[in-house]
Amino acid sequence: MCVADVFTAVTENRPYRKGTGRNETLPILQNMARSGALDDNVVGVLTENYDEIDRMRSDAQEISASEYSDFVRQKTGAGRPPSRI
């Protein structure tokens, strides 16, 4: 879980910064594994499957953002024509 958490934290786009790419992400994870902060075996599996895992993470982030926008529109009535009174 820790590796997934760090991976997601650094690769996801955030309001205050763009997510990191492969060349920035892997050294962060590998340095944390070398220092004992993350499990080296799990980081190795992520490294071997980086593209697939990152694609799944990116797809999930896009779906969540879309669902959140839909939810906000529903709750606020944004995008609906004004009601006639």
Protein backbone atom coordinates (compact mmCIF):
# COMPACT_ATOMS: atom_id res chain seq x y z
CA MET A 1 0.00 0.00 0.00
CA CYS A 2 2.84 2.40 0.76
CA VAL A 3 4.35 2.02 -2.70
CA ALA A 4 0.95 2.58 -4.32
CA ASP A 5 0.36 5.63 -2.14
CA VAL A 6 3.70 7.25 -3.01
CA PHE A 7 3.33 6.32 -6.69
CA THR A 8 -0.11 7.90 -6.85
CA ALA A 9 0.94 10.95 -4.86
CA VAL A 10 3.80 11.83 -7.21
CA THR A 11 2.24 10.83 -10.55
CA GLU A 12 -1.26 12.30 -10.18
CA ASN A 13 -2.00 15.80 -11.35
CA ARG A 14 -2.82 18.01 -8.41
CA PRO A 15 -4.31 21.50 -8.40
CA TYR A 16 -0.93 22.93 -7.40
CA ARG A 17 1.33 20.88 -9.72
CA LYS A 18 1.45 18.52 -12.68
CA GLY A 19 2.13 14.86 -11.91
CA THR A 20 5.58 13.44 -12.55
CA GLY A 21 6.47 11.16 -15.44
CA ARG A 22 8.38 7.89 -15.46
CA ASN A 23 11.83 9.54 -15.47
CA GLU A 24 11.04 11.51 -12.32
CA THR A 25 8.89 8.91 -10.54
CA LEU A 26 11.13 5.85 -10.65
CA PRO A 27 14.17 7.50 -9.02
CA ILE A 28 11.96 8.74 -6.18
CA LEU A 29 10.58 5.25 -5.55
CA GLN A 30 13.96 3.55 -5.97
CA ASN A 31 15.66 5.98 -3.56
CA MET A 32 12.94 5.39 -1.00
CA ALA A 33 13.36 1.61 -1.43
CA ARG A 34 17.15 1.88 -0.98
CA SER A 35 16.64 3.86 2.24
CA GLY A 36 14.20 1.23 3.55
CA ALA A 37 11.15 3.52 3.41
CA LEU A 38 9.51 1.31 0.76
CA ASP A 39 9.63 -2.40 0.02
CA ASP A 40 12.25 -3.00 -2.67
CA ASN A 41 10.42 -6.02 -4.11
CA VAL A 42 7.18 -4.10 -4.57
CA VAL A 43 9.03 -1.18 -6.16
CA GLY A 44 10.67 -3.71 -8.50
CA VAL A 45 7.28 -5.09 -9.57
CA LEU A 46 6.00 -1.56 -10.17
CA THR A 47 9.12 -0.72 -12.19
CA GLU A 48 8.66 -3.81 -14.39
CA ASN A 49 4.99 -2.98 -14.99
CA TYR A 50 5.19 0.81 -14.87
CA ASP A 51 3.41 1.61 -18.14
CA GLU A 52 0.41 -0.63 -17.42
CA ILE A 53 0.08 0.54 -13.81
CA ASP A 54 0.42 4.21 -14.76
CA ARG A 55 -2.20 3.82 -17.51
CA MET A 56 -4.65 2.28 -15.01
CA ARG A 57 -3.93 5.08 -12.52
CA SER A 58 -4.42 7.76 -15.17
CA ASP A 59 -7.68 6.20 -16.40
CA ALA A 60 -9.00 5.98 -12.83
CA GLN A 61 -8.07 9.64 -12.20
CA GLU A 62 -9.91 10.75 -15.36
CA ILE A 63 -13.01 8.70 -14.48
CA SER A 64 -13.05 10.08 -10.93
CA ALA A 65 -12.71 13.67 -12.17
CA SER A 66 -15.57 13.15 -14.62
CA GLU A 67 -17.80 11.54 -11.99
CA TYR A 68 -17.06 14.37 -9.56
CA SER A 69 -17.94 16.99 -12.19
CA ASP A 70 -21.19 15.18 -12.94
CA PHE A 71 -21.99 15.02 -9.22
CA VAL A 72 -21.34 18.74 -8.74
CA ARG A 73 -23.50 19.60 -11.76
CA GLN A 74 -26.33 17.47 -10.36
CA LYS A 75 -26.15 19.00 -6.90
CA THR A 76 -25.77 22.61 -8.03
CA GLY A 77 -27.99 22.50 -11.08
CA ALA A 78 -25.16 23.86 -13.20
CA GLY A 79 -25.85 23.48 -16.90
CA ARG A 80 -29.64 23.32 -16.45
CA PRO A 81 -31.90 26.00 -17.85
CA PRO A 82 -33.38 28.29 -15.18
CA SER A 83 -36.70 27.08 -13.81
CA ARG A 84 -39.82 29.09 -14.56
CA ILE A 85 -41.68 30.37 -11.58
